[in-house]
Amino acid sequence: MNKIVDLPSSGEHWIKLKGDQGWKNSKDNTIWKKDKLHGDHWDVSDKTGKKIKEIDFYGKQIWPYGKKNKNKRP
């Protein structure tokens, strides 16, 4: 489950959004934004804006099903 993923700006499929809006992954149409409250991970949303996962800065998934929230479902 803790598969390491490629991070924003690590390939041609990443598109920088204006201002502080984050990055768009054109491979899977997800939006990556740095978490404003904690500042220690990326919040990943689908194209409708629904948060689907959290990824730490090393590329490991921490939510859902990660070390952060072991008993919670998305």
PDB file of N, CA and C in Angstrom:
ATOM      1  N   MET A   1       0.801  -1.211   0.000  1.00  0.00           N
ATOM      2  CA  MET A   1       0.000   0.000   0.000  1.00  0.00           C
ATOM      3  C   MET A   1       0.841   1.272   0.000  1.00  0.00           C
ATOM      4  N   ASN A   2       1.994   1.248   0.637  1.00  0.00           N
ATOM      5  CA  ASN A   2       2.829   2.436   0.709  1.00  0.00           C
ATOM      6  C   ASN A   2       3.769   2.520  -0.481  1.00  0.00           C
ATOM      7  N   LYS A   3       3.207   2.458  -1.672  1.00  0.00           N
ATOM      8  CA  LYS A   3       3.978   2.554  -2.890  1.00  0.00           C
ATOM      9  C   LYS A   3       4.493   3.984  -3.061  1.00  0.00           C
ATOM     10  N   ILE A   4       5.741   4.125  -3.417  1.00  0.00           N
ATOM     11  CA  ILE A   4       6.304   5.458  -3.612  1.00  0.00           C
ATOM     12  C   ILE A   4       5.884   5.967  -4.987  1.00  0.00           C
ATOM     13  N   VAL A   5       5.395   7.204  -5.025  1.00  0.00           N
ATOM     14  CA  VAL A   5       4.908   7.813  -6.259  1.00  0.00           C
ATOM     15  C   VAL A   5       5.846   8.937  -6.685  1.00  0.00           C
ATOM     16  N   ASP A   6       5.735   9.339  -7.956  1.00  0.00           N
ATOM     17  CA  ASP A   6       6.542  10.477  -8.393  1.00  0.00           C
ATOM     18  C   ASP A   6       5.902  11.768  -7.888  1.00  0.00           C
ATOM     19  N   LEU A   7       6.723  12.696  -7.500  1.00  0.00           N
ATOM     20  CA  LEU A   7       6.271  13.932  -6.869  1.00  0.00           C
ATOM     21  C   LEU A   7       6.188  15.063  -7.878  1.00  0.00           C
ATOM     22  N   PRO A   8       5.444  16.120  -7.553  1.00  0.00           N
ATOM     23  CA  PRO A   8       5.329  17.258  -8.469  1.00  0.00           C
ATOM     24  C   PRO A   8       6.677  17.784  -8.939  1.00  0.00           C
ATOM     25  N   SER A   9       6.713  18.166 -10.169  1.00  0.00           N
ATOM     26  CA  SER A   9       7.869  18.710 -10.894  1.00  0.00           C
ATOM     27  C   SER A   9       8.907  17.652 -11.229  1.00  0.00           C
ATOM     28  N   SER A  10       8.576  16.358 -11.090  1.00  0.00           N
ATOM     29  CA  SER A  10       9.550  15.308 -11.368  1.00  0.00           C
ATOM     30  C   SER A  10       9.395  14.691 -12.754  1.00  0.00           C
ATOM     31  N   GLY A  11       8.606  15.314 -13.618  1.00  0.00           N
ATOM     32  CA  GLY A  11       8.439  14.780 -14.965  1.00  0.00           C
ATOM     33  C   GLY A  11       7.668  15.742 -15.854  1.00  0.00           C
ATOM     34  N   GLU A  12       7.546  15.378 -17.115  1.00  0.00           N
ATOM     35  CA  GLU A  12       6.873  16.244 -18.085  1.00  0.00           C
ATOM     36  C   GLU A  12       5.364  16.309 -17.905  1.00  0.00           C
ATOM     37  N   HIS A  13       4.784  15.350 -17.213  1.00  0.00           N
ATOM     38  CA  HIS A  13       3.331  15.317 -17.041  1.00  0.00           C
ATOM     39  C   HIS A  13       2.839  16.235 -15.925  1.00  0.00           C
ATOM     40  N   TRP A  14       3.736  16.941 -15.238  1.00  0.00           N
ATOM     41  CA  TRP A  14       3.346  17.870 -14.174  1.00  0.00           C
ATOM     42  C   TRP A  14       3.191  19.277 -14.734  1.00  0.00           C
ATOM     43  N   ILE A  15       2.089  19.921 -14.378  1.00  0.00           N
ATOM     44  CA  ILE A  15       1.798  21.287 -14.830  1.00  0.00           C
ATOM     45  C   ILE A  15       1.661  22.172 -13.598  1.00  0.00           C
ATOM     46  N   LYS A  16       2.480  23.223 -13.512  1.00  0.00           N
ATOM     47  CA  LYS A  16       2.417  24.158 -12.385  1.00  0.00           C
ATOM     48  C   LYS A  16       1.210  25.060 -12.575  1.00  0.00           C
ATOM     49  N   LEU A  17       0.358  25.151 -11.560  1.00  0.00           N
ATOM     50  CA  LEU A  17      -0.814  26.006 -11.614  1.00  0.00           C
ATOM     51  C   LEU A  17      -0.455  27.409 -11.133  1.00  0.00           C
ATOM     52  N   LYS A  18      -1.247  28.389 -11.511  1.00  0.00           N
ATOM     53  CA  LYS A  18      -0.963  29.785 -11.170  1.00  0.00           C
ATOM     54  C   LYS A  18      -0.943  30.023  -9.666  1.00  0.00           C
ATOM     55  N   GLY A  19      -0.063  30.925  -9.251  1.00  0.00           N
ATOM     56  CA  GLY A  19       0.006  31.325  -7.850  1.00  0.00           C
ATOM     57  C   GLY A  19       0.346  30.170  -6.937  1.00  0.00           C
ATOM     58  N   ASP A  20      -0.439  30.014  -5.891  1.00  0.00           N
ATOM     59  CA  ASP A  20      -0.202  28.982  -4.891  1.00  0.00           C
ATOM     60  C   ASP A  20      -1.248  27.864  -4.985  1.00  0.00           C
ATOM     61  N   GLN A  21      -1.668  27.561  -6.225  1.00  0.00           N
ATOM     62  CA  GLN A  21      -2.723  26.568  -6.413  1.00  0.00           C
ATOM     63  C   GLN A  21      -2.206  25.140  -6.478  1.00  0.00           C
ATOM     64  N   GLY A  22      -0.911  24.954  -6.604  1.00  0.00           N
ATOM     65  CA  GLY A  22      -0.342  23.616  -6.607  1.00  0.00           C
ATOM     66  C   GLY A  22       0.076  23.140  -7.984  1.00  0.00           C
ATOM     67  N   TRP A  23       0.007  21.823  -8.173  1.00  0.00           N
ATOM     68  CA  TRP A  23       0.432  21.155  -9.402  1.00  0.00           C
ATOM     69  C   TRP A  23      -0.678  20.249  -9.913  1.00  0.00           C
ATOM     70  N   LYS A  24      -0.741  20.100 -11.242  1.00  0.00           N
ATOM     71  CA  LYS A  24      -1.686  19.170 -11.854  1.00  0.00           C
ATOM     72  C   LYS A  24      -0.902  18.037 -12.493  1.00  0.00           C
ATOM     73  N   ASN A  25      -1.329  16.808 -12.221  1.00  0.00           N
ATOM     74  CA  ASN A  25      -0.742  15.632 -12.835  1.00  0.00           C
ATOM     75  C   ASN A  25      -1.615  15.277 -14.039  1.00  0.00           C
ATOM     76  N   SER A  26      -1.088  15.486 -15.236  1.00  0.00           N
ATOM     77  CA  SER A  26      -1.894  15.255 -16.435  1.00  0.00           C
ATOM     78  C   SER A  26      -2.054  13.770 -16.753  1.00  0.00           C
ATOM     79  N   LYS A  27      -1.306  12.895 -16.113  1.00  0.00           N
ATOM     80  CA  LYS A  27      -1.466  11.453 -16.329  1.00  0.00           C
ATOM     81  C   LYS A  27      -2.787  10.952 -15.761  1.00  0.00           C
ATOM     82  N   ASP A  28      -3.108  11.382 -14.527  1.00  0.00           N
ATOM     83  CA  ASP A  28      -4.319  10.875 -13.883  1.00  0.00           C
ATOM     84  C   ASP A  28      -5.302  11.974 -13.474  1.00  0.00           C
ATOM     85  N   ASN A  29      -5.090  13.194 -13.961  1.00  0.00           N
ATOM     86  CA  ASN A  29      -5.984  14.335 -13.694  1.00  0.00           C
ATOM     87  C   ASN A  29      -6.191  14.608 -12.213  1.00  0.00           C
ATOM     88  N   THR A  30      -5.111  14.592 -11.447  1.00  0.00           N
ATOM     89  CA  THR A  30      -5.200  14.927 -10.032  1.00  0.00           C
ATOM     90  C   THR A  30      -4.517  16.269  -9.777  1.00  0.00           C
ATOM     91  N   ILE A  31      -4.954  16.944  -8.720  1.00  0.00           N
ATOM     92  CA  ILE A  31      -4.371  18.216  -8.299  1.00  0.00           C
ATOM     93  C   ILE A  31      -3.639  17.979  -6.986  1.00  0.00           C
ATOM     94  N   TRP A  32      -2.400  18.409  -6.915  1.00  0.00           N
ATOM     95  CA  TRP A  32      -1.567  18.257  -5.727  1.00  0.00           C
ATOM     96  C   TRP A  32      -1.331  19.625  -5.115  1.00  0.00           C
ATOM     97  N   LYS A  33      -1.677  19.773  -3.833  1.00  0.00           N
ATOM     98  CA  LYS A  33      -1.454  21.021  -3.102  1.00  0.00           C
ATOM     99  C   LYS A  33      -0.742  20.709  -1.799  1.00  0.00           C
ATOM    100  N   LYS A  34       0.181  21.573  -1.410  1.00  0.00           N
ATOM    101  CA  LYS A  34       0.818  21.407  -0.104  1.00  0.00           C
ATOM    102  C   LYS A  34      -0.210  21.699   0.973  1.00  0.00           C
ATOM    103  N   ASP A  35      -0.213  20.879   2.007  1.00  0.00           N
ATOM    104  CA  ASP A  35      -1.135  21.063   3.115  1.00  0.00           C
ATOM    105  C   ASP A  35      -0.815  22.373   3.830  1.00  0.00           C
ATOM    106  N   LYS A  36      -1.787  23.264   3.929  1.00  0.00           N
ATOM    107  CA  LYS A  36      -1.579  24.579   4.541  1.00  0.00           C
ATOM    108  C   LYS A  36      -1.566  24.515   6.064  1.00  0.00           C
ATOM    109  N   LEU A  37      -2.320  23.613   6.653  1.00  0.00           N
ATOM    110  CA  LEU A  37      -2.419  23.552   8.108  1.00  0.00           C
ATOM    111  C   LEU A  37      -1.166  22.948   8.749  1.00  0.00           C
ATOM    112  N   HIS A  38      -0.754  21.798   8.264  1.00  0.00           N
ATOM    113  CA  HIS A  38       0.380  21.105   8.861  1.00  0.00           C
ATOM    114  C   HIS A  38       1.683  21.363   8.112  1.00  0.00           C
ATOM    115  N   GLY A  39       1.605  21.504   6.799  1.00  0.00           N
ATOM    116  CA  GLY A  39       2.773  21.786   5.987  1.00  0.00           C
ATOM    117  C   GLY A  39       3.743  20.630   5.838  1.00  0.00           C
ATOM    118  N   ASP A  40       3.274  19.411   6.095  1.00  0.00           N
ATOM    119  CA  ASP A  40       4.188  18.274   6.045  1.00  0.00           C
ATOM    120  C   ASP A  40       3.818  17.223   4.999  1.00  0.00           C
ATOM    121  N   HIS A  41       2.862  17.525   4.116  1.00  0.00           N
ATOM    122  CA  HIS A  41       2.472  16.553   3.101  1.00  0.00           C
ATOM    123  C   HIS A  41       1.723  17.246   1.960  1.00  0.00           C
ATOM    124  N   TRP A  42       1.442  16.467   0.910  1.00  0.00           N
ATOM    125  CA  TRP A  42       0.632  16.921  -0.217  1.00  0.00           C
ATOM    126  C   TRP A  42      -0.792  16.412  -0.037  1.00  0.00           C
ATOM    127  N   ASP A  43      -1.775  17.272  -0.307  1.00  0.00           N
ATOM    128  CA  ASP A  43      -3.169  16.840  -0.405  1.00  0.00           C
ATOM    129  C   ASP A  43      -3.456  16.613  -1.884  1.00  0.00           C
ATOM    130  N   VAL A  44      -3.942  15.438  -2.218  1.00  0.00           N
ATOM    131  CA  VAL A  44      -4.209  15.081  -3.610  1.00  0.00           C
ATOM    132  C   VAL A  44      -5.716  15.005  -3.806  1.00  0.00           C
ATOM    133  N   SER A  45      -6.223  15.746  -4.809  1.00  0.00           N
ATOM    134  CA  SER A  45      -7.657  15.801  -5.092  1.00  0.00           C
ATOM    135  C   SER A  45      -7.925  15.314  -6.504  1.00  0.00           C
ATOM    136  N   ASP A  46      -9.140  14.791  -6.722  1.00  0.00           N
ATOM    137  CA  ASP A  46      -9.521  14.412  -8.080  1.00  0.00           C
ATOM    138  C   ASP A  46      -9.995  15.654  -8.832  1.00  0.00           C
ATOM    139  N   LYS A  47     -10.457  15.472 -10.057  1.00  0.00           N
ATOM    140  CA  LYS A  47     -10.826  16.631 -10.879  1.00  0.00           C
ATOM    141  C   LYS A  47     -12.060  17.372 -10.369  1.00  0.00           C
ATOM    142  N   THR A  48     -12.846  16.738  -9.483  1.00  0.00           N
ATOM    143  CA  THR A  48     -14.012  17.429  -8.917  1.00  0.00           C
ATOM    144  C   THR A  48     -13.665  18.186  -7.638  1.00  0.00           C
ATOM    145  N   GLY A  49     -12.423  18.015  -7.133  1.00  0.00           N
ATOM    146  CA  GLY A  49     -11.998  18.712  -5.928  1.00  0.00           C
ATOM    147  C   GLY A  49     -12.102  17.891  -4.663  1.00  0.00           C
ATOM    148  N   LYS A  50     -12.527  16.632  -4.787  1.00  0.00           N
ATOM    149  CA  LYS A  50     -12.641  15.750  -3.615  1.00  0.00           C
ATOM    150  C   LYS A  50     -11.260  15.189  -3.264  1.00  0.00           C
ATOM    151  N   LYS A  51     -10.873  15.328  -1.987  1.00  0.00           N
ATOM    152  CA  LYS A  51      -9.578  14.829  -1.538  1.00  0.00           C
ATOM    153  C   LYS A  51      -9.581  13.310  -1.571  1.00  0.00           C
ATOM    154  N   ILE A  52      -8.584  12.738  -2.236  1.00  0.00           N
ATOM    155  CA  ILE A  52      -8.538  11.288  -2.380  1.00  0.00           C
ATOM    156  C   ILE A  52      -7.384  10.646  -1.627  1.00  0.00           C
ATOM    157  N   LYS A  53      -6.321  11.409  -1.341  1.00  0.00           N
ATOM    158  CA  LYS A  53      -5.215  10.851  -0.577  1.00  0.00           C
ATOM    159  C   LYS A  53      -4.260  11.945  -0.109  1.00  0.00           C
ATOM    160  N   GLU A  54      -3.365  11.564   0.792  1.00  0.00           N
ATOM    161  CA  GLU A  54      -2.296  12.434   1.259  1.00  0.00           C
ATOM    162  C   GLU A  54      -0.987  11.701   1.026  1.00  0.00           C
ATOM    163  N   ILE A  55       0.002  12.430   0.520  1.00  0.00           N
ATOM    164  CA  ILE A  55       1.307  11.874   0.210  1.00  0.00           C
ATOM    165  C   ILE A  55       2.357  12.693   0.944  1.00  0.00           C
ATOM    166  N   ASP A  56       3.299  12.039   1.638  1.00  0.00           N
ATOM    167  CA  ASP A  56       4.347  12.810   2.308  1.00  0.00           C
ATOM    168  C   ASP A  56       5.366  13.291   1.269  1.00  0.00           C
ATOM    169  N   PHE A  57       6.312  14.109   1.711  1.00  0.00           N
ATOM    170  CA  PHE A  57       7.271  14.709   0.781  1.00  0.00           C
ATOM    171  C   PHE A  57       8.295  13.715   0.246  1.00  0.00           C
ATOM    172  N   TYR A  58       8.261  12.479   0.744  1.00  0.00           N
ATOM    173  CA  TYR A  58       9.150  11.430   0.239  1.00  0.00           C
ATOM    174  C   TYR A  58       8.447  10.524  -0.768  1.00  0.00           C
ATOM    175  N   GLY A  59       7.152  10.765  -0.990  1.00  0.00           N
ATOM    176  CA  GLY A  59       6.406   9.999  -1.979  1.00  0.00           C
ATOM    177  C   GLY A  59       5.614   8.838  -1.439  1.00  0.00           C
ATOM    178  N   LYS A  60       5.504   8.713  -0.114  1.00  0.00           N
ATOM    179  CA  LYS A  60       4.733   7.610   0.476  1.00  0.00           C
ATOM    180  C   LYS A  60       3.329   8.083   0.846  1.00  0.00           C
ATOM    181  N   GLN A  61       2.343   7.238   0.564  1.00  0.00           N
ATOM    182  CA  GLN A  61       0.954   7.559   0.894  1.00  0.00           C
ATOM    183  C   GLN A  61       0.746   7.427   2.395  1.00  0.00           C
ATOM    184  N   ILE A  62       0.194   8.489   3.019  1.00  0.00           N
ATOM    185  CA  ILE A  62      -0.041   8.450   4.460  1.00  0.00           C
ATOM    186  C   ILE A  62      -1.520   8.456   4.815  1.00  0.00           C
ATOM    187  N   TRP A  63      -2.386   8.738   3.874  1.00  0.00           N
ATOM    188  CA  TRP A  63      -3.828   8.681   4.102  1.00  0.00           C
ATOM    189  C   TRP A  63      -4.508   8.373   2.792  1.00  0.00           C
ATOM    190  N   PRO A  64      -5.519   7.638   2.671  1.00  0.00           N
ATOM    191  CA  PRO A  64      -6.040   6.689   3.652  1.00  0.00           C
ATOM    192  C   PRO A  64      -5.162   5.447   3.694  1.00  0.00           C
ATOM    193  N   TYR A  65      -5.401   4.612   4.636  1.00  0.00           N
ATOM    194  CA  TYR A  65      -4.736   3.320   4.796  1.00  0.00           C
ATOM    195  C   TYR A  65      -3.247   3.428   5.101  1.00  0.00           C
ATOM    196  N   GLY A  66      -2.789   4.567   5.544  1.00  0.00           N
ATOM    197  CA  GLY A  66      -1.382   4.717   5.879  1.00  0.00           C
ATOM    198  C   GLY A  66      -1.183   4.802   7.382  1.00  0.00           C
ATOM    199  N   LYS A  67       0.025   5.174   7.780  1.00  0.00           N
ATOM    200  CA  LYS A  67       0.359   5.230   9.198  1.00  0.00           C
ATOM    201  C   LYS A  67      -0.382   6.312   9.943  1.00  0.00           C
ATOM    202  N   LYS A  68      -0.867   7.342   9.252  1.00  0.00           N
ATOM    203  CA  LYS A  68      -1.504   8.474   9.907  1.00  0.00           C
ATOM    204  C   LYS A  68      -2.872   8.120  10.501  1.00  0.00           C
ATOM    205  N   ASN A  69      -3.721   7.496   9.721  1.00  0.00           N
ATOM    206  CA  ASN A  69      -5.078   7.171  10.150  1.00  0.00           C
ATOM    207  C   ASN A  69      -5.361   5.695   9.887  1.00  0.00           C
ATOM    208  N   LYS A  70      -4.916   4.838  10.766  1.00  0.00           N
ATOM    209  CA  LYS A  70      -5.026   3.405  10.517  1.00  0.00           C
ATOM    210  C   LYS A  70      -6.468   2.908  10.518  1.00  0.00           C
ATOM    211  N   ASN A  71      -7.350   3.533  11.257  1.00  0.00           N
ATOM    212  CA  ASN A  71      -8.713   3.012  11.383  1.00  0.00           C
ATOM    213  C   ASN A  71      -9.755   3.801  10.606  1.00  0.00           C
ATOM    214  N   LYS A  72      -9.368   4.853   9.917  1.00  0.00           N
ATOM    215  CA  LYS A  72     -10.339   5.710   9.230  1.00  0.00           C
ATOM    216  C   LYS A  72     -10.405   5.388   7.743  1.00  0.00           C
ATOM    217  N   ARG A  73     -11.573   5.509   7.212  1.00  0.00           N
ATOM    218  CA  ARG A  73     -11.797   5.336   5.771  1.00  0.00           C
ATOM    219  C   ARG A  73     -11.950   6.704   5.119  1.00  0.00           C
ATOM    220  N   PRO A  74     -11.648   6.825   3.824  1.00  0.00           N
ATOM    221  CA  PRO A  74     -11.780   8.130   3.145  1.00  0.00           C
ATOM    222  C   PRO A  74     -13.231   8.565   3.029  1.00  0.00           C
TER     223      PRO A  74
END
